[in-house]
Amino acid sequence: YVASAAYAGVLQGQFARFRASHPGIHIGAREYAMDALPGLLDQGRVDLAFVRPPLRLPDGIDMVVLLRDRFVLAVQADSPLARLDVAEPAALAQQAFIVPEQELGTLEVSRRGGFAAQVVSRPGSLVAVLTEVSLGVGCAIVPHSVMASVQLPGVVFCELAAPQISSEIAVAFRRHEQAPAARAFIAQLRAAAL
């Protein structure tokens, strides 16, 4: 899974539901870098992958969307941008950007603002991204679910100007899964899909 699936509660909700309906089946979870998950799934090393699309998937891997989210801006509390209720993309043209694994939000903000983002860091996890924001390395475009779940000293979040930049949490799985337990979980996930 990717961490934002846990921050949004999607991971916990689906696991709780599956455990309640299948009490004899043991399931576990482990966080991986998002880019690694499609390959691990294709190789049979994981049965399901909670991800944040868009994501290139190997042939034979399907995906269903479980949650629609939006992106927000994370800035250091001392930044002049921290005083904004809503940030216009063009106002970010001169900012340094810390980019999370899912770069869609950053790319869309820069497109809407008419600039090429000055990327100074790609630290990996969302907590690492927010830590760099708190240290004044730059700003970041992150999922709203992170804003609602993670409180880090020195980080302030603000909305991006409309229209919102959409983001999704989805689950990927093998189209022709053979394992009965995995097939049962996939059936549950398909039923929960948006």
C-alpha atoms as a PDB file:
ATOM      1  CA  TYR A   1       0.000   0.000   0.000  1.00  0.00           C
ATOM      2  CA  VAL A   2       0.920   3.642  -0.278  1.00  0.00           C
ATOM      3  CA  ALA A   3       0.709   5.693   2.913  1.00  0.00           C
ATOM      4  CA  SER A   4      -2.064   7.968   1.682  1.00  0.00           C
ATOM      5  CA  ALA A   5      -4.384   4.933   1.526  1.00  0.00           C
ATOM      6  CA  ALA A   6      -3.877   4.656   5.303  1.00  0.00           C
ATOM      7  CA  TYR A   7      -4.113   8.430   5.887  1.00  0.00           C
ATOM      8  CA  ALA A   8      -7.468   8.457   4.094  1.00  0.00           C
ATOM      9  CA  GLY A   9      -8.733   5.438   6.063  1.00  0.00           C
ATOM     10  CA  VAL A  10      -9.398   3.389   2.917  1.00  0.00           C
ATOM     11  CA  LEU A  11      -6.887   0.697   3.857  1.00  0.00           C
ATOM     12  CA  GLN A  12      -8.217   0.305   7.403  1.00  0.00           C
ATOM     13  CA  GLY A  13     -11.844   0.322   6.302  1.00  0.00           C
ATOM     14  CA  GLN A  14     -11.368  -2.380   3.683  1.00  0.00           C
ATOM     15  CA  PHE A  15      -9.230  -4.551   5.978  1.00  0.00           C
ATOM     16  CA  ALA A  16     -11.779  -4.305   8.815  1.00  0.00           C
ATOM     17  CA  ARG A  17     -14.617  -5.203   6.486  1.00  0.00           C
ATOM     18  CA  PHE A  18     -12.738  -8.196   5.057  1.00  0.00           C
ATOM     19  CA  ARG A  19     -11.688  -9.468   8.491  1.00  0.00           C
ATOM     20  CA  ALA A  20     -15.277  -9.221   9.732  1.00  0.00           C
ATOM     21  CA  SER A  21     -16.614 -11.250   6.805  1.00  0.00           C
ATOM     22  CA  HIS A  22     -13.663 -13.693   6.666  1.00  0.00           C
ATOM     23  CA  PRO A  23     -12.475 -14.173  10.268  1.00  0.00           C
ATOM     24  CA  GLY A  24     -10.419 -17.284   9.508  1.00  0.00           C
ATOM     25  CA  ILE A  25      -8.235 -15.615   6.882  1.00  0.00           C
ATOM     26  CA  HIS A  26      -5.078 -13.800   7.992  1.00  0.00           C
ATOM     27  CA  ILE A  27      -4.201 -10.698   5.947  1.00  0.00           C
ATOM     28  CA  GLY A  28      -1.312  -8.303   6.389  1.00  0.00           C
ATOM     29  CA  ALA A  29      -0.151  -4.999   4.973  1.00  0.00           C
ATOM     30  CA  ARG A  30       3.184  -3.436   4.162  1.00  0.00           C
ATOM     31  CA  GLU A  31       4.081  -0.022   2.798  1.00  0.00           C
ATOM     32  CA  TYR A  32       6.083   0.018  -0.452  1.00  0.00           C
ATOM     33  CA  ALA A  33       7.262   2.720  -2.811  1.00  0.00           C
ATOM     34  CA  MET A  34       4.409   3.258  -5.250  1.00  0.00           C
ATOM     35  CA  ASP A  35       6.519   2.607  -8.346  1.00  0.00           C
ATOM     36  CA  ALA A  36       7.474  -0.841  -6.998  1.00  0.00           C
ATOM     37  CA  LEU A  37       3.915  -2.059  -6.436  1.00  0.00           C
ATOM     38  CA  PRO A  38       2.868  -2.932 -10.026  1.00  0.00           C
ATOM     39  CA  GLY A  39       5.946  -5.141 -10.475  1.00  0.00           C
ATOM     40  CA  LEU A  40       5.486  -6.829  -7.093  1.00  0.00           C
ATOM     41  CA  LEU A  41       1.863  -7.514  -7.987  1.00  0.00           C
ATOM     42  CA  ASP A  42       2.774  -8.853 -11.431  1.00  0.00           C
ATOM     43  CA  GLN A  43       5.454 -11.135  -9.900  1.00  0.00           C
ATOM     44  CA  GLY A  44       2.962 -12.503  -7.379  1.00  0.00           C
ATOM     45  CA  ARG A  45       4.889 -11.099  -4.406  1.00  0.00           C
ATOM     46  CA  VAL A  46       1.826  -9.121  -3.245  1.00  0.00           C
ATOM     47  CA  ASP A  47      -1.829  -9.931  -3.847  1.00  0.00           C
ATOM     48  CA  LEU A  48      -3.289  -6.420  -3.843  1.00  0.00           C
ATOM     49  CA  ALA A  49      -1.812  -2.947  -4.115  1.00  0.00           C
ATOM     50  CA  PHE A  50      -3.483   0.187  -2.753  1.00  0.00           C
ATOM     51  CA  VAL A  51      -2.133   2.951  -5.009  1.00  0.00           C
ATOM     52  CA  ARG A  52      -2.643   6.523  -6.129  1.00  0.00           C
ATOM     53  CA  PRO A  53      -3.256   6.677  -9.936  1.00  0.00           C
ATOM     54  CA  PRO A  54      -2.219   7.439 -12.577  1.00  0.00           C
ATOM     55  CA  LEU A  55       0.124   4.503 -12.594  1.00  0.00           C
ATOM     56  CA  ARG A  56       1.444   2.320 -15.422  1.00  0.00           C
ATOM     57  CA  LEU A  57       0.243  -1.252 -14.893  1.00  0.00           C
ATOM     58  CA  PRO A  58       1.538  -4.446 -16.512  1.00  0.00           C
ATOM     59  CA  ASP A  59      -0.797  -6.448 -18.751  1.00  0.00           C
ATOM     60  CA  GLY A  60      -3.111  -8.621 -16.687  1.00  0.00           C
ATOM     61  CA  ILE A  61      -3.385  -6.133 -13.823  1.00  0.00           C
ATOM     62  CA  ASP A  62      -6.698  -4.328 -13.222  1.00  0.00           C
ATOM     63  CA  MET A  63      -7.477  -1.414 -10.941  1.00  0.00           C
ATOM     64  CA  VAL A  64     -10.616   0.032  -9.341  1.00  0.00           C
ATOM     65  CA  VAL A  65     -10.991   3.435  -7.690  1.00  0.00           C
ATOM     66  CA  LEU A  66     -12.054   3.427  -4.027  1.00  0.00           C
ATOM     67  CA  LEU A  67     -11.825   7.122  -3.078  1.00  0.00           C
ATOM     68  CA  ARG A  68     -11.757  10.493  -4.797  1.00  0.00           C
ATOM     69  CA  ASP A  69      -9.536  13.087  -3.125  1.00  0.00           C
ATOM     70  CA  ARG A  70      -7.990  16.430  -4.058  1.00  0.00           C
ATOM     71  CA  PHE A  71      -4.580  18.039  -3.809  1.00  0.00           C
ATOM     72  CA  VAL A  72      -3.644  20.876  -1.435  1.00  0.00           C
ATOM     73  CA  LEU A  73      -0.537  22.995  -0.869  1.00  0.00           C
ATOM     74  CA  ALA A  74       1.840  22.343   2.047  1.00  0.00           C
ATOM     75  CA  VAL A  75       4.177  25.210   3.014  1.00  0.00           C
ATOM     76  CA  GLN A  76       6.478  26.068   5.891  1.00  0.00           C
ATOM     77  CA  ALA A  77       4.617  28.002   8.594  1.00  0.00           C
ATOM     78  CA  ASP A  78       6.986  30.996   8.179  1.00  0.00           C
ATOM     79  CA  SER A  79       6.339  31.289   4.439  1.00  0.00           C
ATOM     80  CA  PRO A  80       4.271  34.247   3.174  1.00  0.00           C
ATOM     81  CA  LEU A  81       2.142  31.591   1.408  1.00  0.00           C
ATOM     82  CA  ALA A  82       1.083  30.267   4.822  1.00  0.00           C
ATOM     83  CA  ARG A  83      -1.163  33.313   5.256  1.00  0.00           C
ATOM     84  CA  LEU A  84      -3.227  32.426   2.190  1.00  0.00           C
ATOM     85  CA  ASP A  85      -6.578  30.702   2.481  1.00  0.00           C
ATOM     86  CA  VAL A  86      -6.446  29.744  -1.189  1.00  0.00           C
ATOM     87  CA  ALA A  87      -3.321  29.627  -3.369  1.00  0.00           C
ATOM     88  CA  GLU A  88      -3.456  30.491  -7.063  1.00  0.00           C
ATOM     89  CA  PRO A  89      -1.124  28.248  -9.099  1.00  0.00           C
ATOM     90  CA  ALA A  90       0.581  31.277 -10.715  1.00  0.00           C
ATOM     91  CA  ALA A  91       1.568  32.501  -7.219  1.00  0.00           C
ATOM     92  CA  LEU A  92       3.767  29.406  -6.878  1.00  0.00           C
ATOM     93  CA  ALA A  93       5.888  30.047  -9.985  1.00  0.00           C
ATOM     94  CA  GLN A  94       8.996  31.094  -8.035  1.00  0.00           C
ATOM     95  CA  GLN A  95       8.735  28.418  -5.361  1.00  0.00           C
ATOM     96  CA  ALA A  96      10.987  25.412  -4.895  1.00  0.00           C
ATOM     97  CA  PHE A  97       8.986  22.169  -4.994  1.00  0.00           C
ATOM     98  CA  ILE A  98       9.389  18.983  -2.995  1.00  0.00           C
ATOM     99  CA  VAL A  99       7.684  16.288  -5.020  1.00  0.00           C
ATOM    100  CA  PRO A 100       6.016  13.202  -3.505  1.00  0.00           C
ATOM    101  CA  GLU A 101       5.854   9.827  -5.259  1.00  0.00           C
ATOM    102  CA  GLN A 102       2.663  10.844  -7.064  1.00  0.00           C
ATOM    103  CA  GLU A 103       3.719  13.941  -8.980  1.00  0.00           C
ATOM    104  CA  LEU A 104       0.371  14.542 -10.708  1.00  0.00           C
ATOM    105  CA  GLY A 105      -0.576  17.421  -8.390  1.00  0.00           C
ATOM    106  CA  THR A 106       2.723  19.239  -8.895  1.00  0.00           C
ATOM    107  CA  LEU A 107       2.556  18.823 -12.667  1.00  0.00           C
ATOM    108  CA  GLU A 108      -1.018  20.120 -12.813  1.00  0.00           C
ATOM    109  CA  VAL A 109      -0.291  23.127 -10.564  1.00  0.00           C
ATOM    110  CA  SER A 110       2.636  24.122 -12.756  1.00  0.00           C
ATOM    111  CA  ARG A 111       0.572  23.638 -15.935  1.00  0.00           C
ATOM    112  CA  ARG A 112      -2.257  25.797 -14.579  1.00  0.00           C
ATOM    113  CA  GLY A 113       0.213  28.404 -13.343  1.00  0.00           C
ATOM    114  CA  GLY A 114       2.065  28.535 -16.661  1.00  0.00           C
ATOM    115  CA  PHE A 115       5.478  27.585 -15.275  1.00  0.00           C
ATOM    116  CA  ALA A 116       7.862  24.654 -15.021  1.00  0.00           C
ATOM    117  CA  ALA A 117       8.134  23.588 -11.380  1.00  0.00           C
ATOM    118  CA  GLN A 118      11.565  24.028  -9.849  1.00  0.00           C
ATOM    119  CA  VAL A 119      11.924  20.583  -8.282  1.00  0.00           C
ATOM    120  CA  VAL A 120      14.540  20.560  -5.523  1.00  0.00           C
ATOM    121  CA  SER A 121      13.779  17.213  -3.884  1.00  0.00           C
ATOM    122  CA  ARG A 122      11.969  13.885  -4.326  1.00  0.00           C
ATOM    123  CA  PRO A 123      12.366  12.337  -0.875  1.00  0.00           C
ATOM    124  CA  GLY A 124       9.864   9.503  -1.283  1.00  0.00           C
ATOM    125  CA  SER A 125       7.301   9.121   1.489  1.00  0.00           C
ATOM    126  CA  LEU A 126       4.741  11.783   2.323  1.00  0.00           C
ATOM    127  CA  VAL A 127       6.165  12.150   5.835  1.00  0.00           C
ATOM    128  CA  ALA A 128       9.607  12.809   4.312  1.00  0.00           C
ATOM    129  CA  VAL A 129       8.041  15.367   1.958  1.00  0.00           C
ATOM    130  CA  LEU A 130       6.332  17.182   4.845  1.00  0.00           C
ATOM    131  CA  THR A 131       9.499  17.060   6.948  1.00  0.00           C
ATOM    132  CA  GLU A 132      11.378  18.855   4.168  1.00  0.00           C
ATOM    133  CA  VAL A 133       8.546  21.404   3.944  1.00  0.00           C
ATOM    134  CA  SER A 134       8.835  21.985   7.703  1.00  0.00           C
ATOM    135  CA  LEU A 135      12.580  22.594   7.280  1.00  0.00           C
ATOM    136  CA  GLY A 136      11.990  25.270   4.639  1.00  0.00           C
ATOM    137  CA  VAL A 137      13.348  23.294   1.671  1.00  0.00           C
ATOM    138  CA  GLY A 138      10.292  24.194  -0.417  1.00  0.00           C
ATOM    139  CA  CYS A 139       6.563  23.706  -0.804  1.00  0.00           C
ATOM    140  CA  ALA A 140       4.693  20.546  -1.827  1.00  0.00           C
ATOM    141  CA  ILE A 141       1.446  19.555  -3.485  1.00  0.00           C
ATOM    142  CA  VAL A 142       0.008  16.708  -1.408  1.00  0.00           C
ATOM    143  CA  PRO A 143      -3.287  14.827  -1.065  1.00  0.00           C
ATOM    144  CA  HIS A 144      -5.981  16.400   1.125  1.00  0.00           C
ATOM    145  CA  SER A 145      -6.096  13.145   3.113  1.00  0.00           C
ATOM    146  CA  VAL A 146      -2.592  14.000   4.358  1.00  0.00           C
ATOM    147  CA  MET A 147      -3.754  17.454   5.466  1.00  0.00           C
ATOM    148  CA  ALA A 148      -6.599  15.852   7.399  1.00  0.00           C
ATOM    149  CA  SER A 149      -4.379  13.209   9.046  1.00  0.00           C
ATOM    150  CA  VAL A 150      -0.814  14.441   9.537  1.00  0.00           C
ATOM    151  CA  GLN A 151       0.111  17.330  11.824  1.00  0.00           C
ATOM    152  CA  LEU A 152       3.791  18.253  11.642  1.00  0.00           C
ATOM    153  CA  PRO A 153       5.272  21.263  13.456  1.00  0.00           C
ATOM    154  CA  GLY A 154       6.119  24.022  11.014  1.00  0.00           C
ATOM    155  CA  VAL A 155       3.772  22.868   8.224  1.00  0.00           C
ATOM    156  CA  VAL A 156       0.658  24.753   7.118  1.00  0.00           C
ATOM    157  CA  PHE A 157      -1.779  23.557   4.463  1.00  0.00           C
ATOM    158  CA  CYS A 158      -3.941  25.667   2.190  1.00  0.00           C
ATOM    159  CA  GLU A 159      -6.402  24.957  -0.547  1.00  0.00           C
ATOM    160  CA  LEU A 160      -5.521  25.381  -4.201  1.00  0.00           C
ATOM    161  CA  ALA A 161      -7.681  27.693  -6.334  1.00  0.00           C
ATOM    162  CA  ALA A 162     -10.604  26.084  -8.136  1.00  0.00           C
ATOM    163  CA  PRO A 163     -11.122  23.977 -10.031  1.00  0.00           C
ATOM    164  CA  GLN A 164      -9.788  21.389  -7.629  1.00  0.00           C
ATOM    165  CA  ILE A 165      -7.059  19.044  -8.789  1.00  0.00           C
ATOM    166  CA  SER A 166      -8.487  15.593  -8.321  1.00  0.00           C
ATOM    167  CA  SER A 167      -6.646  12.613  -6.959  1.00  0.00           C
ATOM    168  CA  GLU A 168      -7.763   9.064  -6.360  1.00  0.00           C
ATOM    169  CA  ILE A 169      -6.932   6.086  -4.225  1.00  0.00           C
ATOM    170  CA  ALA A 170      -7.362   2.789  -6.022  1.00  0.00           C
ATOM    171  CA  VAL A 171      -6.523  -0.865  -5.588  1.00  0.00           C
ATOM    172  CA  ALA A 172      -4.721  -2.904  -8.243  1.00  0.00           C
ATOM    173  CA  PHE A 173      -4.909  -6.694  -8.526  1.00  0.00           C
ATOM    174  CA  ARG A 174      -4.245  -9.535 -10.930  1.00  0.00           C
ATOM    175  CA  ARG A 175      -7.109  -9.937 -13.404  1.00  0.00           C
ATOM    176  CA  HIS A 176      -7.001 -13.743 -13.259  1.00  0.00           C
ATOM    177  CA  GLU A 177      -6.220 -14.214  -9.572  1.00  0.00           C
ATOM    178  CA  GLN A 178      -6.339 -17.864  -8.507  1.00  0.00           C
ATOM    179  CA  ALA A 179      -5.969 -17.677  -4.707  1.00  0.00           C
ATOM    180  CA  PRO A 180      -9.429 -17.990  -3.088  1.00  0.00           C
ATOM    181  CA  ALA A 181      -8.683 -15.513  -0.267  1.00  0.00           C
ATOM    182  CA  ALA A 182      -7.351 -12.892  -2.675  1.00  0.00           C
ATOM    183  CA  ARG A 183     -10.350 -13.439  -4.980  1.00  0.00           C
ATOM    184  CA  ALA A 184     -12.709 -12.869  -2.036  1.00  0.00           C
ATOM    185  CA  PHE A 185     -10.926  -9.607  -1.146  1.00  0.00           C
ATOM    186  CA  ILE A 186     -10.998  -8.508  -4.805  1.00  0.00           C
ATOM    187  CA  ALA A 187     -14.756  -9.165  -4.942  1.00  0.00           C
ATOM    188  CA  GLN A 188     -15.227  -6.950  -1.879  1.00  0.00           C
ATOM    189  CA  LEU A 189     -13.068  -4.209  -3.410  1.00  0.00           C
ATOM    190  CA  ARG A 190     -14.898  -4.341  -6.730  1.00  0.00           C
ATOM    191  CA  ALA A 191     -18.200  -3.952  -4.861  1.00  0.00           C
ATOM    192  CA  ALA A 192     -16.822  -0.902  -3.039  1.00  0.00           C
ATOM    193  CA  ALA A 193     -15.455   0.730  -6.209  1.00  0.00           C
ATOM    194  CA  LEU A 194     -16.717   4.146  -7.247  1.00  0.00           C
END
